[in-house]
C-alpha atoms as a PDB file:
ATOM      1  CA  UNK A   1     211.577-118.244 211.498  1.00  0.00           C
ATOM      2  CA  UNK A   2     212.284-118.558 215.219  1.00  0.00           C
ATOM      3  CA  UNK A   3     209.899-115.709 216.049  1.00  0.00           C
ATOM      4  CA  UNK A   4     207.107-117.226 213.933  1.00  0.00           C
ATOM      5  CA  UNK A   5     207.688-120.655 215.496  1.00  0.00           C
ATOM      6  CA  UNK A   6     207.590-119.159 218.991  1.00  0.00           C
ATOM      7  CA  UNK A   7     204.205-117.582 218.163  1.00  0.00           C
ATOM      8  CA  UNK A   8     202.958-120.908 216.772  1.00  0.00           C
ATOM      9  CA  UNK A   9     204.076-122.768 219.904  1.00  0.00           C
ATOM     10  CA  UNK A  10     202.302-120.193 222.098  1.00  0.00           C
ATOM     11  CA  UNK A  11     199.040-120.074 220.093  1.00  0.00           C
ATOM     12  CA  UNK A  12     198.778-123.647 218.783  1.00  0.00           C
ATOM     13  CA  UNK A  13     200.824-125.600 221.324  1.00  0.00           C
ATOM     14  CA  UNK A  14     204.071-127.443 220.675  1.00  0.00           C
ATOM     15  CA  UNK A  15     202.527-130.890 220.147  1.00  0.00           C
ATOM     16  CA  UNK A  16     199.190-129.881 218.621  1.00  0.00           C
ATOM     17  CA  UNK A  17     198.063-129.540 215.036  1.00  0.00           C
ATOM     18  CA  UNK A  18     197.512-126.142 213.383  1.00  0.00           C
ATOM     19  CA  UNK A  19     193.821-125.532 212.764  1.00  0.00           C
ATOM     20  CA  UNK A  20     191.970-122.827 210.878  1.00  0.00           C
ATOM     21  CA  UNK A  21     190.720-121.334 214.155  1.00  0.00           C
ATOM     22  CA  UNK A  22     194.345-120.518 215.098  1.00  0.00           C
ATOM     23  CA  UNK A  23     195.016-118.371 212.013  1.00  0.00           C
ATOM     24  CA  UNK A  24     193.440-115.074 213.194  1.00  0.00           C
ATOM     25  CA  UNK A  25     195.578-115.265 216.363  1.00  0.00           C
ATOM     26  CA  UNK A  26     198.879-115.610 214.455  1.00  0.00           C
ATOM     27  CA  UNK A  27     199.624-111.890 214.065  1.00  0.00           C
ATOM     28  CA  UNK A  28     203.347-112.189 213.424  1.00  0.00           C
ATOM     29  CA  UNK A  29     202.819-114.926 210.835  1.00  0.00           C
ATOM     30  CA  UNK A  30     200.229-112.706 209.096  1.00  0.00           C
ATOM     31  CA  UNK A  31     202.871-109.967 208.977  1.00  0.00           C
ATOM     32  CA  UNK A  32     205.378-112.453 207.493  1.00  0.00           C
ATOM     33  CA  UNK A  33     202.917-113.372 204.719  1.00  0.00           C
ATOM     34  CA  UNK A  34     202.168-109.710 203.979  1.00  0.00           C
ATOM     35  CA  UNK A  35     205.850-108.819 203.879  1.00  0.00           C
ATOM     36  CA  UNK A  36     206.568-111.784 201.601  1.00  0.00           C
ATOM     37  CA  UNK A  37     203.843-110.656 199.203  1.00  0.00           C
ATOM     38  CA  UNK A  38     205.210-107.111 199.332  1.00  0.00           C
ATOM     39  CA  UNK A  39     208.685-108.228 198.314  1.00  0.00           C
ATOM     40  CA  UNK A  40     207.618-111.042 195.994  1.00  0.00           C
ATOM     41  CA  UNK A  41     204.184-110.337 194.488  1.00  0.00           C
ATOM     42  CA  UNK A  42     202.969-113.335 192.524  1.00  0.00           C
ATOM     43  CA  UNK A  43     202.221-111.201 189.477  1.00  0.00           C
ATOM     44  CA  UNK A  44     204.580-108.188 189.260  1.00  0.00           C
ATOM     45  CA  UNK A  45     202.483-106.430 186.602  1.00  0.00           C
ATOM     46  CA  UNK A  46     198.818-106.728 187.504  1.00  0.00           C
ATOM     47  CA  UNK A  47     196.097-107.666 185.036  1.00  0.00           C
ATOM     48  CA  UNK A  48     195.856-104.677 182.665  1.00  0.00           C
ATOM     49  CA  UNK A  49     193.167-102.071 183.175  1.00  0.00           C
ATOM     50  CA  UNK A  50     191.490-100.278 180.277  1.00  0.00           C
ATOM     51  CA  UNK A  51     189.732 -96.941 180.890  1.00  0.00           C
ATOM     52  CA  UNK A  52     186.308 -96.529 179.290  1.00  0.00           C
ATOM     53  CA  UNK A  53     186.923 -92.804 178.786  1.00  0.00           C
ATOM     54  CA  UNK A  54     189.990 -90.576 178.601  1.00  0.00           C
ATOM     55  CA  UNK A  55     191.119 -89.333 181.993  1.00  0.00           C
ATOM     56  CA  UNK A  56     193.897 -87.369 183.626  1.00  0.00           C
ATOM     57  CA  UNK A  57     195.805 -89.062 186.460  1.00  0.00           C
ATOM     58  CA  UNK A  58     198.676 -87.296 188.184  1.00  0.00           C
ATOM     59  CA  UNK A  59     199.060 -84.871 185.280  1.00  0.00           C
ATOM     60  CA  UNK A  60     199.170 -87.651 182.662  1.00  0.00           C
ATOM     61  CA  UNK A  61     196.496 -88.079 180.005  1.00  0.00           C
ATOM     62  CA  UNK A  62     195.356 -91.707 179.841  1.00  0.00           C
ATOM     63  CA  UNK A  63     193.477 -92.141 176.541  1.00  0.00           C
ATOM     64  CA  UNK A  64     190.292 -94.174 176.306  1.00  0.00           C
ATOM     65  CA  UNK A  65     191.061 -97.815 175.497  1.00  0.00           C
ATOM     66  CA  UNK A  66     194.740 -97.653 176.563  1.00  0.00           C
ATOM     67  CA  UNK A  67     196.112-100.700 178.335  1.00  0.00           C
ATOM     68  CA  UNK A  68     197.341 -99.668 181.764  1.00  0.00           C
ATOM     69  CA  UNK A  69     199.683-102.018 183.592  1.00  0.00           C
ATOM     70  CA  UNK A  70     200.299-101.476 187.295  1.00  0.00           C
ATOM     71  CA  UNK A  71     203.845-102.348 188.338  1.00  0.00           C
ATOM     72  CA  UNK A  72     203.225-103.499 191.917  1.00  0.00           C
ATOM     73  CA  UNK A  73     206.767-104.845 192.136  1.00  0.00           C
ATOM     74  CA  UNK A  74     208.053-101.264 191.809  1.00  0.00           C
ATOM     75  CA  UNK A  75     205.352 -99.796 194.087  1.00  0.00           C
ATOM     76  CA  UNK A  76     206.188-102.327 196.812  1.00  0.00           C
ATOM     77  CA  UNK A  77     209.889-101.365 196.608  1.00  0.00           C
ATOM     78  CA  UNK A  78     209.469 -97.590 196.366  1.00  0.00           C
ATOM     79  CA  UNK A  79     211.760 -95.903 198.940  1.00  0.00           C
ATOM     80  CA  UNK A  80     209.437 -92.890 199.150  1.00  0.00           C
ATOM     81  CA  UNK A  81     206.725 -95.224 200.497  1.00  0.00           C
ATOM     82  CA  UNK A  82     208.621 -97.959 202.374  1.00  0.00           C
ATOM     83  CA  UNK A  83     211.571 -97.635 204.763  1.00  0.00           C
ATOM     84  CA  UNK A  84     214.404 -99.908 203.593  1.00  0.00           C
ATOM     85  CA  UNK A  85     212.182-101.343 200.828  1.00  0.00           C
ATOM     86  CA  UNK A  86     214.516-104.218 199.842  1.00  0.00           C
ATOM     87  CA  UNK A  87     214.799-105.482 203.425  1.00  0.00           C
ATOM     88  CA  UNK A  88     212.561-108.308 204.657  1.00  0.00           C
ATOM     89  CA  UNK A  89     210.927-106.796 207.748  1.00  0.00           C
ATOM     90  CA  UNK A  90     207.562-108.284 208.827  1.00  0.00           C
ATOM     91  CA  UNK A  91     207.541-105.824 211.731  1.00  0.00           C
ATOM     92  CA  UNK A  92     206.336-103.091 209.324  1.00  0.00           C
ATOM     93  CA  UNK A  93     202.940-104.842 209.180  1.00  0.00           C
ATOM     94  CA  UNK A  94     202.515-105.533 212.910  1.00  0.00           C
ATOM     95  CA  UNK A  95     200.729-102.272 213.782  1.00  0.00           C
ATOM     96  CA  UNK A  96     199.444-101.628 210.290  1.00  0.00           C
ATOM     97  CA  UNK A  97     195.842-102.419 209.367  1.00  0.00           C
ATOM     98  CA  UNK A  98     196.891-102.904 205.746  1.00  0.00           C
ATOM     99  CA  UNK A  99     194.795-105.641 204.117  1.00  0.00           C
ATOM    100  CA  UNK A 100     194.645-107.372 200.738  1.00  0.00           C
ATOM    101  CA  UNK A 101     191.477-105.638 199.538  1.00  0.00           C
ATOM    102  CA  UNK A 102     193.184-103.023 197.358  1.00  0.00           C
ATOM    103  CA  UNK A 103     192.146 -99.995 199.432  1.00  0.00           C
ATOM    104  CA  UNK A 104     195.712 -99.077 200.428  1.00  0.00           C
ATOM    105  CA  UNK A 105     197.287 -98.159 197.086  1.00  0.00           C
ATOM    106  CA  UNK A 106     200.865 -98.641 198.303  1.00  0.00           C
ATOM    107  CA  UNK A 107     200.209-102.352 198.912  1.00  0.00           C
ATOM    108  CA  UNK A 108     198.408-104.232 196.137  1.00  0.00           C
ATOM    109  CA  UNK A 109     199.581-107.861 196.010  1.00  0.00           C
ATOM    110  CA  UNK A 110     196.203-108.991 194.650  1.00  0.00           C
ATOM    111  CA  UNK A 111     195.275-105.876 192.694  1.00  0.00           C
ATOM    112  CA  UNK A 112     192.467-103.411 193.237  1.00  0.00           C
ATOM    113  CA  UNK A 113     189.096-102.394 191.874  1.00  0.00           C
ATOM    114  CA  UNK A 114     187.096-104.505 189.448  1.00  0.00           C
ATOM    115  CA  UNK A 115     190.179-106.526 188.484  1.00  0.00           C
ATOM    116  CA  UNK A 116     191.077-107.529 192.050  1.00  0.00           C
ATOM    117  CA  UNK A 117     191.763-111.236 192.506  1.00  0.00           C
ATOM    118  CA  UNK A 118     188.531-113.075 193.272  1.00  0.00           C
ATOM    119  CA  UNK A 119     190.432-115.744 195.207  1.00  0.00           C
ATOM    120  CA  UNK A 120     191.802-113.491 197.984  1.00  0.00           C
ATOM    121  CA  UNK A 121     189.910-115.155 200.862  1.00  0.00           C
ATOM    122  CA  UNK A 122     191.053-118.618 199.782  1.00  0.00           C
ATOM    123  CA  UNK A 123     194.610-117.476 199.023  1.00  0.00           C
ATOM    124  CA  UNK A 124     194.929-115.742 202.383  1.00  0.00           C
ATOM    125  CA  UNK A 125     193.739-118.799 204.303  1.00  0.00           C
ATOM    126  CA  UNK A 126     195.778-121.282 202.260  1.00  0.00           C
ATOM    127  CA  UNK A 127     199.000-119.256 202.454  1.00  0.00           C
ATOM    128  CA  UNK A 128     198.616-118.811 206.202  1.00  0.00           C
ATOM    129  CA  UNK A 129     197.585-122.405 206.850  1.00  0.00           C
ATOM    130  CA  UNK A 130     200.307-123.913 204.661  1.00  0.00           C
ATOM    131  CA  UNK A 131     203.071-121.733 206.070  1.00  0.00           C
ATOM    132  CA  UNK A 132     201.861-122.175 209.655  1.00  0.00           C
ATOM    133  CA  UNK A 133     201.828-125.956 209.265  1.00  0.00           C
ATOM    134  CA  UNK A 134     205.288-126.115 207.665  1.00  0.00           C
ATOM    135  CA  UNK A 135     206.858-123.825 210.274  1.00  0.00           C
ATOM    136  CA  UNK A 136     205.077-125.521 213.171  1.00  0.00           C
ATOM    137  CA  UNK A 137     206.120-129.038 212.205  1.00  0.00           C
ATOM    138  CA  UNK A 138     209.646-128.437 210.880  1.00  0.00           C
ATOM    139  CA  UNK A 139     212.836-126.471 211.340  1.00  0.00           C
ATOM    140  CA  UNK A 140     214.258-125.467 207.976  1.00  0.00           C
ATOM    141  CA  UNK A 141     217.961-125.264 207.144  1.00  0.00           C
ATOM    142  CA  UNK A 142     220.084-124.840 204.061  1.00  0.00           C
ATOM    143  CA  UNK A 143     221.838-127.999 202.839  1.00  0.00           C
ATOM    144  CA  UNK A 144     225.378-128.519 204.094  1.00  0.00           C
ATOM    145  CA  UNK A 145     227.875-126.559 202.050  1.00  0.00           C
ATOM    146  CA  UNK A 146     225.304-123.901 201.155  1.00  0.00           C
ATOM    147  CA  UNK A 147     225.878-120.692 203.083  1.00  0.00           C
ATOM    148  CA  UNK A 148     223.619-118.112 201.421  1.00  0.00           C
ATOM    149  CA  UNK A 149     220.131-118.127 199.896  1.00  0.00           C
ATOM    150  CA  UNK A 150     220.280-116.731 196.364  1.00  0.00           C
ATOM    151  CA  UNK A 151     217.498-114.144 196.082  1.00  0.00           C
ATOM    152  CA  UNK A 152     217.814-113.147 192.427  1.00  0.00           C
ATOM    153  CA  UNK A 153     214.577-113.216 190.482  1.00  0.00           C
ATOM    154  CA  UNK A 154     213.626-114.125 186.960  1.00  0.00           C
ATOM    155  CA  UNK A 155     211.199-111.473 185.730  1.00  0.00           C
ATOM    156  CA  UNK A 156     208.200-112.598 183.706  1.00  0.00           C
ATOM    157  CA  UNK A 157     204.418-112.778 183.798  1.00  0.00           C
ATOM    158  CA  UNK A 158     204.841-114.426 187.176  1.00  0.00           C
ATOM    159  CA  UNK A 159     207.779-113.862 189.485  1.00  0.00           C
ATOM    160  CA  UNK A 160     210.176-116.796 189.835  1.00  0.00           C
ATOM    161  CA  UNK A 161     213.424-117.318 191.615  1.00  0.00           C
ATOM    162  CA  UNK A 162     216.444-117.452 189.301  1.00  0.00           C
ATOM    163  CA  UNK A 163     217.657-120.549 191.167  1.00  0.00           C
ATOM    164  CA  UNK A 164     215.314-122.934 193.008  1.00  0.00           C
ATOM    165  CA  UNK A 165     215.306-122.825 196.802  1.00  0.00           C
ATOM    166  CA  UNK A 166     216.520-126.019 198.407  1.00  0.00           C
ATOM    167  CA  UNK A 167     216.031-126.436 202.150  1.00  0.00           C
ATOM    168  CA  UNK A 168     216.200-129.404 204.502  1.00  0.00           C
ATOM    169  CA  UNK A 169     213.347-130.013 206.969  1.00  0.00           C
ATOM    170  CA  UNK A 170     213.946-131.415 210.452  1.00  0.00           C
ATOM    171  CA  UNK A 171     210.950-132.477 212.568  1.00  0.00           C
ATOM    172  CA  UNK A 172     210.232-130.215 215.566  1.00  0.00           C
ATOM    173  CA  UNK A 173     207.740-132.442 217.375  1.00  0.00           C
ATOM    174  CA  UNK A 174     208.158-135.879 218.900  1.00  0.00           C
ATOM    175  CA  UNK A 175     204.474-136.627 218.205  1.00  0.00           C
ATOM    176  CA  UNK A 176     204.499-138.976 215.194  1.00  0.00           C
ATOM    177  CA  UNK A 177     200.738-138.528 214.666  1.00  0.00           C
ATOM    178  CA  UNK A 178     201.358-134.908 213.587  1.00  0.00           C
ATOM    179  CA  UNK A 179     203.306-136.108 210.570  1.00  0.00           C
END
């Protein structure tokens, strides 16, 4: 959080408001969003694909009409692809031109091909803008008496936390007009 806030202070300015024009300059924050989507894809099993003809993929026969589910949760945590796959490390995306367009098959938070999410441009901007604004305006801490964030997940059609996250915001700026 401190590293992302330092980048925000440098790019946006401590007592200024985050604007859309700042987003392409927030490289570390982009890496944080990508790493978050790697570890916690919104939909762990993508929308099913259905081949129009039988095909052979990786030595497996996929019959025509079969429902094929892609487990991106498992792909994003595969140790043969990612170093320390369970560790939150935005640094892995800093010098990586990996995007959300489904061309890099080891990173598919929004799917790929004809079933790729149509809302990627909006989602990318809204995630970045929302997170940038929240981190720029507030410091975030766990409530008193809480020492550890519980990271267990509840598996389903969408990925949820087993226990809700509760954090306490503290204003970072003295400029009341920003709030």
